[in-house]
C-alpha atoms as a PDB file:
ATOM      1  CA  MET A   1      17.377-144.073  76.474  1.00  0.00           C
ATOM      2  CA  HIS A   2      15.796-147.050  74.966  1.00  0.00           C
ATOM      3  CA  VAL A   3      17.043-148.582  78.329  1.00  0.00           C
ATOM      4  CA  VAL A   4      16.765-145.943  80.639  1.00  0.00           C
ATOM      5  CA  LEU A   5      13.692-146.198  79.369  1.00  0.00           C
ATOM      6  CA  ALA A   6      12.732-149.095  79.951  1.00  0.00           C
ATOM      7  CA  ARG A   7      13.779-149.863  83.614  1.00  0.00           C
ATOM      8  CA  ARG A   8      11.722-146.310  84.872  1.00  0.00           C
ATOM      9  CA  GLU A   9       8.502-149.252  83.537  1.00  0.00           C
ATOM     10  CA  ARG A  10       9.688-151.925  85.719  1.00  0.00           C
ATOM     11  CA  LEU A  11      10.425-149.559  89.030  1.00  0.00           C
ATOM     12  CA  ALA A  12       7.065-148.243  87.836  1.00  0.00           C
ATOM     13  CA  GLN A  13       5.619-151.753  88.069  1.00  0.00           C
ATOM     14  CA  LEU A  14       7.969-152.641  91.064  1.00  0.00           C
ATOM     15  CA  LEU A  15       6.067-149.974  92.472  1.00  0.00           C
ATOM     16  CA  GLU A  16       3.054-150.561  91.492  1.00  0.00           C
ATOM     17  CA  GLN A  17       3.381-154.344  93.133  1.00  0.00           C
ATOM     18  CA  HIS A  18       4.355-153.415  96.360  1.00  0.00           C
ATOM     19  CA  ARG A  19       3.215-149.931  97.277  1.00  0.00           C
ATOM     20  CA  TYR A  20       5.923-148.902  98.782  1.00  0.00           C
ATOM     21  CA  LEU A  21      10.188-150.368  98.334  1.00  0.00           C
ATOM     22  CA  PRO A  22      12.907-148.055  99.972  1.00  0.00           C
ATOM     23  CA  VAL A  23      14.839-146.894  97.163  1.00  0.00           C
ATOM     24  CA  LYS A  24      18.200-148.936  99.035  1.00  0.00           C
ATOM     25  CA  GLU A  25      15.818-151.522  98.596  1.00  0.00           C
ATOM     26  CA  LEU A  26      14.732-150.700  94.753  1.00  0.00           C
ATOM     27  CA  CYS A  27      18.582-150.227  94.250  1.00  0.00           C
ATOM     28  CA  ARG A  28      19.008-153.979  95.364  1.00  0.00           C
ATOM     29  CA  ARG A  29      16.851-155.206  92.649  1.00  0.00           C
ATOM     30  CA  LEU A  30      17.399-152.706  89.754  1.00  0.00           C
ATOM     31  CA  GLY A  31      20.915-153.626  90.252  1.00  0.00           C
ATOM     32  CA  VAL A  32      21.806-149.152  90.085  1.00  0.00           C
ATOM     33  CA  SER A  33      23.286-147.024  92.107  1.00  0.00           C
ATOM     34  CA  GLU A  34      21.341-144.836  94.597  1.00  0.00           C
ATOM     35  CA  ALA A  35      21.962-141.724  92.304  1.00  0.00           C
ATOM     36  CA  THR A  36      20.327-143.613  89.179  1.00  0.00           C
ATOM     37  CA  ALA A  37      17.444-144.852  91.721  1.00  0.00           C
ATOM     38  CA  ARG A  38      17.459-141.178  92.773  1.00  0.00           C
ATOM     39  CA  ARG A  39      17.081-140.527  89.518  1.00  0.00           C
ATOM     40  CA  ASP A  40      14.047-142.227  87.606  1.00  0.00           C
ATOM     41  CA  LEU A  41      12.385-141.504  90.834  1.00  0.00           C
ATOM     42  CA  ALA A  42      12.593-138.145  90.235  1.00  0.00           C
ATOM     43  CA  ALA A  43      11.768-138.729  86.301  1.00  0.00           C
ATOM     44  CA  LEU A  44       8.045-140.793  87.545  1.00  0.00           C
ATOM     45  CA  VAL A  45       7.692-138.282  90.372  1.00  0.00           C
ATOM     46  CA  GLY A  46       7.828-135.582  87.038  1.00  0.00           C
ATOM     47  CA  GLU A  47       5.438-137.935  84.943  1.00  0.00           C
ATOM     48  CA  LYS A  48       2.901-138.063  88.335  1.00  0.00           C
ATOM     49  CA  LYS A  49       3.192-142.485  87.990  1.00  0.00           C
ATOM     50  CA  ILE A  50       4.647-142.325  91.844  1.00  0.00           C
ATOM     51  CA  THR A  51       4.344-140.061  95.282  1.00  0.00           C
ATOM     52  CA  ARG A  52       8.290-139.620  96.474  1.00  0.00           C
ATOM     53  CA  THR A  53       8.621-139.697 100.564  1.00  0.00           C
ATOM     54  CA  TYR A  54      12.280-138.683 102.299  1.00  0.00           C
ATOM     55  CA  GLY A  55      13.594-142.314 102.105  1.00  0.00           C
ATOM     56  CA  GLY A  56      11.507-144.754  99.653  1.00  0.00           C
ATOM     57  CA  ALA A  57       8.790-144.281  97.601  1.00  0.00           C
ATOM     58  CA  LEU A  58       5.209-144.356  98.929  1.00  0.00           C
ATOM     59  CA  HIS A  59       2.249-145.733  95.759  1.00  0.00           C
ATOM     60  CA  GLU A  60      -0.999-144.847  96.768  1.00  0.00           C
ATOM     61  CA  PHE A  61      -0.614-146.951  99.653  1.00  0.00           C
ATOM     62  CA  ASN A  62      -2.388-144.657 102.139  1.00  0.00           C
ATOM     63  CA  ASP A  63      -5.287-144.530  99.414  1.00  0.00           C
ATOM     64  CA  ARG A  64      -5.651-147.754  98.081  1.00  0.00           C
ATOM     65  CA  PHE A  65      -5.317-150.233 101.656  1.00  0.00           C
ATOM     66  CA  PRO A  66      -7.486-150.328 104.026  1.00  0.00           C
ATOM     67  CA  SER A  67      -6.920-148.228 106.739  1.00  0.00           C
ATOM     68  CA  PHE A  68      -6.590-148.950 110.401  1.00  0.00           C
ATOM     69  CA  ARG A  69     -10.248-147.683 111.378  1.00  0.00           C
ATOM     70  CA  GLU A  70     -11.351-150.115 108.770  1.00  0.00           C
ATOM     71  CA  ARG A  71      -9.309-152.910 109.168  1.00  0.00           C
ATOM     72  CA  GLN A  72      -9.784-151.684 113.458  1.00  0.00           C
ATOM     73  CA  ALA A  73     -13.211-153.838 113.586  1.00  0.00           C
ATOM     74  CA  ARG A  74     -12.259-156.483 111.765  1.00  0.00           C
ATOM     75  CA  GLY A  75     -12.562-159.809 113.790  1.00  0.00           C
ATOM     76  CA  SER A  76     -12.477-158.180 117.430  1.00  0.00           C
ATOM     77  CA  LYS A  77     -13.488-160.740 119.312  1.00  0.00           C
ATOM     78  CA  ALA A  78     -10.591-162.614 118.628  1.00  0.00           C
ATOM     79  CA  LYS A  79      -8.325-159.751 118.811  1.00  0.00           C
ATOM     80  CA  GLY A  80      -9.405-158.628 122.286  1.00  0.00           C
ATOM     81  CA  LYS A  81      -8.719-162.571 123.529  1.00  0.00           C
ATOM     82  CA  ILE A  82      -5.076-162.154 122.276  1.00  0.00           C
ATOM     83  CA  ALA A  83      -5.064-158.993 123.701  1.00  0.00           C
ATOM     84  CA  ARG A  84      -5.656-160.222 127.129  1.00  0.00           C
ATOM     85  CA  LEU A  85      -3.727-162.699 127.280  1.00  0.00           C
ATOM     86  CA  ALA A  86      -0.853-160.415 126.118  1.00  0.00           C
ATOM     87  CA  LEU A  87      -0.745-159.142 129.438  1.00  0.00           C
ATOM     88  CA  ALA A  88       1.192-161.805 131.249  1.00  0.00           C
ATOM     89  CA  PHE A  89       3.706-160.711 129.249  1.00  0.00           C
ATOM     90  CA  PHE A  90       3.807-157.100 131.359  1.00  0.00           C
ATOM     91  CA  GLU A  91       6.670-156.682 133.924  1.00  0.00           C
ATOM     92  CA  PRO A  92       7.175-152.994 135.413  1.00  0.00           C
ATOM     93  CA  ASN A  93      10.781-151.320 134.874  1.00  0.00           C
ATOM     94  CA  ARG A  94      10.591-153.290 131.389  1.00  0.00           C
ATOM     95  CA  THR A  95      10.626-151.730 127.781  1.00  0.00           C
ATOM     96  CA  TYR A  96       8.235-152.919 124.686  1.00  0.00           C
ATOM     97  CA  PHE A  97       7.579-151.764 121.713  1.00  0.00           C
ATOM     98  CA  PHE A  98       4.490-152.035 119.883  1.00  0.00           C
ATOM     99  CA  ASP A  99       4.004-152.086 116.301  1.00  0.00           C
ATOM    100  CA  SER A 100       1.610-150.222 114.122  1.00  0.00           C
ATOM    101  CA  GLY A 101      -0.928-153.479 113.747  1.00  0.00           C
ATOM    102  CA  THR A 102      -4.809-152.965 114.771  1.00  0.00           C
ATOM    103  CA  THR A 103      -4.197-156.157 117.133  1.00  0.00           C
ATOM    104  CA  ILE A 104      -1.212-154.463 118.719  1.00  0.00           C
ATOM    105  CA  CYS A 105      -3.892-151.240 119.146  1.00  0.00           C
ATOM    106  CA  ALA A 106      -5.959-154.153 121.279  1.00  0.00           C
ATOM    107  CA  VAL A 107      -3.361-155.052 123.460  1.00  0.00           C
ATOM    108  CA  ALA A 108      -2.454-151.766 123.789  1.00  0.00           C
ATOM    109  CA  GLU A 109      -6.280-151.355 125.420  1.00  0.00           C
ATOM    110  CA  ALA A 110      -6.310-154.365 127.638  1.00  0.00           C
ATOM    111  CA  PHE A 111      -2.952-152.893 129.196  1.00  0.00           C
ATOM    112  CA  ARG A 112      -4.591-149.328 129.009  1.00  0.00           C
ATOM    113  CA  ASP A 113      -7.503-150.634 131.295  1.00  0.00           C
ATOM    114  CA  HIS A 114      -4.741-153.278 133.368  1.00  0.00           C
ATOM    115  CA  PRO A 115      -1.591-151.326 133.113  1.00  0.00           C
ATOM    116  CA  VAL A 116       1.588-152.380 134.732  1.00  0.00           C
ATOM    117  CA  THR A 117       4.250-149.519 135.934  1.00  0.00           C
ATOM    118  CA  PRO A 118       6.509-148.563 135.830  1.00  0.00           C
ATOM    119  CA  VAL A 119       6.825-149.050 131.723  1.00  0.00           C
ATOM    120  CA  THR A 120       8.549-147.675 128.897  1.00  0.00           C
ATOM    121  CA  VAL A 121       7.349-148.150 125.632  1.00  0.00           C
ATOM    122  CA  VAL A 122       8.090-147.635 122.729  1.00  0.00           C
ATOM    123  CA  THR A 123       5.428-147.530 119.118  1.00  0.00           C
ATOM    124  CA  SER A 124       4.821-146.630 115.099  1.00  0.00           C
ATOM    125  CA  ASN A 125       1.213-146.709 116.423  1.00  0.00           C
ATOM    126  CA  LEU A 126      -0.292-143.610 116.476  1.00  0.00           C
ATOM    127  CA  PRO A 127      -3.782-144.662 119.023  1.00  0.00           C
ATOM    128  CA  VAL A 128      -1.450-146.518 120.696  1.00  0.00           C
ATOM    129  CA  GLY A 129       0.949-143.600 121.598  1.00  0.00           C
ATOM    130  CA  GLU A 130      -1.615-141.034 122.799  1.00  0.00           C
ATOM    131  CA  MET A 131      -3.296-144.091 124.383  1.00  0.00           C
ATOM    132  CA  LEU A 132      -1.430-144.928 126.591  1.00  0.00           C
ATOM    133  CA  ALA A 133       1.146-140.865 126.685  1.00  0.00           C
ATOM    134  CA  SER A 134      -2.227-140.548 129.564  1.00  0.00           C
ATOM    135  CA  ILE A 135      -1.653-143.553 132.044  1.00  0.00           C
ATOM    136  CA  PRO A 136       0.472-142.252 134.516  1.00  0.00           C
ATOM    137  CA  GLY A 137       3.876-144.350 134.879  1.00  0.00           C
ATOM    138  CA  VAL A 138       3.734-145.215 131.319  1.00  0.00           C
ATOM    139  CA  GLN A 139       6.042-143.524 129.390  1.00  0.00           C
ATOM    140  CA  VAL A 140       5.394-143.039 126.518  1.00  0.00           C
ATOM    141  CA  PHE A 141       8.487-142.568 123.236  1.00  0.00           C
ATOM    142  CA  GLN A 142       6.807-142.043 119.219  1.00  0.00           C
ATOM    143  CA  LEU A 143       9.322-142.724 116.062  1.00  0.00           C
ATOM    144  CA  ALA A 144       9.906-140.498 113.619  1.00  0.00           C
ATOM    145  CA  GLY A 145       8.916-141.501 110.071  1.00  0.00           C
ATOM    146  CA  GLN A 146       6.790-140.422 107.303  1.00  0.00           C
ATOM    147  CA  LEU A 147       3.344-140.173 108.642  1.00  0.00           C
ATOM    148  CA  LEU A 148       0.370-141.880 107.278  1.00  0.00           C
ATOM    149  CA  HIS A 149      -2.854-140.570 108.636  1.00  0.00           C
ATOM    150  CA  LEU A 150      -5.183-142.714 107.240  1.00  0.00           C
ATOM    151  CA  GLN A 151      -3.122-145.227 108.272  1.00  0.00           C
ATOM    152  CA  SER A 152      -2.568-144.296 111.542  1.00  0.00           C
ATOM    153  CA  THR A 153       1.252-144.506 111.373  1.00  0.00           C
ATOM    154  CA  LEU A 154       4.820-143.992 110.655  1.00  0.00           C
ATOM    155  CA  LEU A 155       7.321-145.970 108.222  1.00  0.00           C
ATOM    156  CA  GLY A 156      10.145-145.221 106.391  1.00  0.00           C
ATOM    157  CA  GLU A 157      14.096-145.062 106.744  1.00  0.00           C
ATOM    158  CA  THR A 158      13.704-142.268 109.244  1.00  0.00           C
ATOM    159  CA  ALA A 159      11.172-144.384 110.881  1.00  0.00           C
ATOM    160  CA  GLN A 160      14.437-147.527 110.874  1.00  0.00           C
ATOM    161  CA  LYS A 161      16.671-145.382 111.649  1.00  0.00           C
ATOM    162  CA  SER A 162      15.163-144.297 114.967  1.00  0.00           C
ATOM    163  CA  LEU A 163      14.609-147.404 116.290  1.00  0.00           C
ATOM    164  CA  GLU A 164      18.811-147.165 116.582  1.00  0.00           C
ATOM    165  CA  PHE A 165      17.848-145.295 120.032  1.00  0.00           C
ATOM    166  CA  TRP A 166      16.026-148.449 122.184  1.00  0.00           C
ATOM    167  CA  ASN A 167      16.812-152.034 123.462  1.00  0.00           C
ATOM    168  CA  PHE A 168      13.658-153.513 123.818  1.00  0.00           C
ATOM    169  CA  ASP A 169      12.312-156.999 126.472  1.00  0.00           C
ATOM    170  CA  THR A 170       9.775-157.317 124.508  1.00  0.00           C
ATOM    171  CA  ALA A 171       8.375-156.281 121.258  1.00  0.00           C
ATOM    172  CA  PHE A 172       4.771-156.775 120.000  1.00  0.00           C
ATOM    173  CA  LEU A 173       3.969-157.544 116.596  1.00  0.00           C
ATOM    174  CA  SER A 174       1.643-158.176 114.105  1.00  0.00           C
ATOM    175  CA  ALA A 175       1.424-160.156 110.452  1.00  0.00           C
ATOM    176  CA  GLU A 176      -1.603-160.892 107.504  1.00  0.00           C
ATOM    177  CA  GLY A 177      -0.252-164.008 107.085  1.00  0.00           C
ATOM    178  CA  MET A 178       1.508-166.721 108.743  1.00  0.00           C
ATOM    179  CA  ASP A 179       1.636-170.556 106.965  1.00  0.00           C
ATOM    180  CA  SER A 180       3.991-173.027 106.910  1.00  0.00           C
ATOM    181  CA  ARG A 181       6.557-170.885 106.215  1.00  0.00           C
ATOM    182  CA  GLY A 182       6.692-168.241 108.310  1.00  0.00           C
ATOM    183  CA  LEU A 183       4.995-164.982 109.030  1.00  0.00           C
ATOM    184  CA  TRP A 184       4.012-162.911 106.216  1.00  0.00           C
ATOM    185  CA  ASN A 185       2.959-158.875 106.418  1.00  0.00           C
ATOM    186  CA  SER A 186       1.561-156.335 103.589  1.00  0.00           C
ATOM    187  CA  GLN A 187       4.449-153.996 103.075  1.00  0.00           C
ATOM    188  CA  ALA A 188       8.324-154.148 102.645  1.00  0.00           C
ATOM    189  CA  ALA A 189       8.715-150.525 104.026  1.00  0.00           C
ATOM    190  CA  ILE A 190       6.667-152.862 107.664  1.00  0.00           C
ATOM    191  CA  VAL A 191       8.533-155.402 107.449  1.00  0.00           C
ATOM    192  CA  GLU A 192      12.117-153.617 106.672  1.00  0.00           C
ATOM    193  CA  LEU A 193      11.022-151.783 110.311  1.00  0.00           C
ATOM    194  CA  GLN A 194       9.592-154.820 112.172  1.00  0.00           C
ATOM    195  CA  ARG A 195      13.844-156.435 111.117  1.00  0.00           C
ATOM    196  CA  VAL A 196      15.745-153.401 112.897  1.00  0.00           C
ATOM    197  CA  VAL A 197      12.947-154.341 116.074  1.00  0.00           C
ATOM    198  CA  LEU A 198      13.185-158.260 115.864  1.00  0.00           C
ATOM    199  CA  ARG A 199      17.315-157.464 115.578  1.00  0.00           C
ATOM    200  CA  ARG A 200      16.961-155.096 118.735  1.00  0.00           C
ATOM    201  CA  THR A 201      13.831-157.259 121.873  1.00  0.00           C
ATOM    202  CA  GLY A 202      15.285-159.925 123.740  1.00  0.00           C
ATOM    203  CA  ARG A 203      11.818-162.260 122.807  1.00  0.00           C
ATOM    204  CA  ASN A 204       9.153-161.002 120.034  1.00  0.00           C
ATOM    205  CA  VAL A 205       5.799-162.141 121.001  1.00  0.00           C
ATOM    206  CA  PHE A 206       3.484-162.110 117.583  1.00  0.00           C
ATOM    207  CA  CYS A 207      -0.478-161.439 118.038  1.00  0.00           C
ATOM    208  CA  ILE A 208      -2.149-162.665 115.231  1.00  0.00           C
ATOM    209  CA  ASP A 209      -6.363-164.243 114.761  1.00  0.00           C
ATOM    210  CA  GLY A 210      -7.102-167.104 112.552  1.00  0.00           C
ATOM    211  CA  SER A 211      -7.724-165.088 109.919  1.00  0.00           C
ATOM    212  CA  LYS A 212      -4.310-164.998 108.434  1.00  0.00           C
ATOM    213  CA  LEU A 213      -3.887-168.681 108.954  1.00  0.00           C
ATOM    214  CA  LYS A 214      -2.626-169.458 105.646  1.00  0.00           C
ATOM    215  CA  ARG A 215      -2.300-166.251 104.362  1.00  0.00           C
ATOM    216  CA  GLN A 216       0.424-165.274 102.248  1.00  0.00           C
ATOM    217  CA  ALA A 217       0.741-161.358 101.893  1.00  0.00           C
ATOM    218  CA  PRO A 218       3.931-159.197  99.182  1.00  0.00           C
ATOM    219  CA  HIS A 219       6.445-159.404 101.593  1.00  0.00           C
ATOM    220  CA  PHE A 220       7.475-162.295 103.718  1.00  0.00           C
ATOM    221  CA  LEU A 221       8.493-161.843 106.864  1.00  0.00           C
ATOM    222  CA  VAL A 222      10.079-164.318 109.813  1.00  0.00           C
ATOM    223  CA  GLY A 223       9.710-168.135 109.565  1.00  0.00           C
ATOM    224  CA  TRP A 224       8.595-169.701 112.794  1.00  0.00           C
ATOM    225  CA  GLU A 225      12.901-170.823 113.554  1.00  0.00           C
ATOM    226  CA  GLU A 226      12.711-166.638 114.736  1.00  0.00           C
ATOM    227  CA  VAL A 227       8.885-166.557 116.859  1.00  0.00           C
ATOM    228  CA  ASP A 228       9.541-166.646 120.046  1.00  0.00           C
ATOM    229  CA  VAL A 229       5.942-166.081 120.792  1.00  0.00           C
ATOM    230  CA  LEU A 230       2.815-167.015 119.074  1.00  0.00           C
ATOM    231  CA  LEU A 231      -0.752-166.219 121.288  1.00  0.00           C
ATOM    232  CA  THR A 232      -3.129-166.358 117.964  1.00  0.00           C
ATOM    233  CA  ASP A 233      -7.097-167.986 118.207  1.00  0.00           C
ATOM    234  CA  VAL A 234      -6.172-170.722 116.546  1.00  0.00           C
ATOM    235  CA  SER A 235      -5.648-174.551 117.366  1.00  0.00           C
ATOM    236  CA  ASN A 236      -3.086-176.367 117.252  1.00  0.00           C
ATOM    237  CA  GLU A 237      -4.723-178.868 115.002  1.00  0.00           C
ATOM    238  CA  LYS A 238      -5.286-176.424 112.989  1.00  0.00           C
ATOM    239  CA  LEU A 239      -2.160-174.332 112.883  1.00  0.00           C
ATOM    240  CA  THR A 240      -1.314-178.490 111.675  1.00  0.00           C
ATOM    241  CA  ARG A 241      -3.178-179.109 109.019  1.00  0.00           C
ATOM    242  CA  ALA A 242      -1.729-175.658 107.660  1.00  0.00           C
ATOM    243  CA  GLY A 243       1.753-177.229 108.275  1.00  0.00           C
ATOM    244  CA  ILE A 244       2.732-175.452 111.048  1.00  0.00           C
ATOM    245  CA  THR A 245       5.077-176.958 112.974  1.00  0.00           C
ATOM    246  CA  LEU A 246       6.683-175.043 115.988  1.00  0.00           C
ATOM    247  CA  ARG A 247       9.464-176.094 117.679  1.00  0.00           C
ATOM    248  CA  GLN A 248      10.311-179.308 119.807  1.00  0.00           C
ATOM    249  CA  ASN A 249      10.644-177.014 123.167  1.00  0.00           C
ATOM    250  CA  GLN A 250       7.606-175.385 122.907  1.00  0.00           C
ATOM    251  CA  ARG A 251       5.074-175.848 125.356  1.00  0.00           C
ATOM    252  CA  ASP A 252       1.077-174.905 124.389  1.00  0.00           C
ATOM    253  CA  ARG A 253      -0.800-173.824 127.675  1.00  0.00           C
ATOM    254  CA  ASP A 254      -4.712-172.776 128.142  1.00  0.00           C
ATOM    255  CA  ALA A 255      -5.335-169.663 128.102  1.00  0.00           C
ATOM    256  CA  THR A 256      -7.761-170.470 131.619  1.00  0.00           C
ATOM    257  CA  THR A 257      -5.446-172.905 133.371  1.00  0.00           C
ATOM    258  CA  ASP A 258      -2.016-172.201 132.684  1.00  0.00           C
ATOM    259  CA  ALA A 259      -1.338-168.004 132.373  1.00  0.00           C
ATOM    260  CA  PRO A 260       0.203-166.659 135.359  1.00  0.00           C
ATOM    261  CA  GLN A 261      -1.833-165.892 137.583  1.00  0.00           C
ATOM    262  CA  GLU A 262       0.011-163.227 139.413  1.00  0.00           C
ATOM    263  CA  SER A 263      -1.159-161.311 135.758  1.00  0.00           C
ATOM    264  CA  ARG A 264      -4.925-161.764 134.578  1.00  0.00           C
ATOM    265  CA  PRO A 265      -6.189-158.596 135.107  1.00  0.00           C
ATOM    266  CA  SER A 266      -8.316-159.148 138.441  1.00  0.00           C
ATOM    267  CA  GLY A 267     -12.221-159.335 137.050  1.00  0.00           C
ATOM    268  CA  GLU A 268     -11.218-160.072 133.950  1.00  0.00           C
ATOM    269  CA  PRO A 269     -14.003-162.938 133.780  1.00  0.00           C
ATOM    270  CA  GLU A 270     -12.090-166.459 132.578  1.00  0.00           C
ATOM    271  CA  ASP A 271     -12.388-167.552 128.182  1.00  0.00           C
ATOM    272  CA  SER A 272     -13.780-171.368 127.266  1.00  0.00           C
ATOM    273  CA  GLY A 273     -10.492-172.724 127.673  1.00  0.00           C
ATOM    274  CA  ASP A 274     -10.267-172.973 124.043  1.00  0.00           C
ATOM    275  CA  PHE A 275      -7.868-170.432 122.504  1.00  0.00           C
ATOM    276  CA  PRO A 276      -3.887-171.829 122.617  1.00  0.00           C
ATOM    277  CA  VAL A 277      -1.036-169.774 123.926  1.00  0.00           C
ATOM    278  CA  HIS A 278       1.807-171.053 122.046  1.00  0.00           C
ATOM    279  CA  ILE A 279       4.861-170.781 123.581  1.00  0.00           C
ATOM    280  CA  LEU A 280       8.262-171.429 120.942  1.00  0.00           C
END
């Protein structure tokens, strides 16, 4: 009995630390079967130590992590610049994925104002889905999954399984941290979903503002060798000082001079010229 109690205490600690972990990940970390993990989860639910969700355990994520609207208000200028640069990556008759980040929502806003059609959009981001579904020529599909209303997203094993219906030409993704090792995110469920997307996309485009530089989050997502495109307001010099080395075949281009002219929205003011696009 002591072993069981110790294991459940460890389980509760894991969920306190990570807030969300899929059942399979819990099994791996604890070295137990799914049946044992589910019994332990049920016991902790009975003790009101966790909230149980389908396919995993969500521990106060909605209540403790800043909401989507709170995060959306941060760094809006940088997000807007990144979003305008992202317009160069849209082409008609393609399928795109938008993840749950607020910078990706800014990309959707820029696309709404300067749409390229026809396209198909798949997203876990509720505001993005609602925003783009009203555009003629844009077909929007929302992932299935556990709804986190404060985060305005759908997560969990069901969301991951619903990705199996899709292959993407380009996926727009976000992260909570970037350092010399690579990219990091705040929740295991988000990382699990993004890794499925990465396996199913021809090109990944990470949209990350400078506030994430030299930061780590609880969960490692991917190394730089697996990143196709980085859109950021961080200069090459700052990236280098942070120990971030991009692949040798990268092309750094200034947003105002080398972006494809046909992709720049008409009437869009040019940026100041100090905003790099890093093509890995």
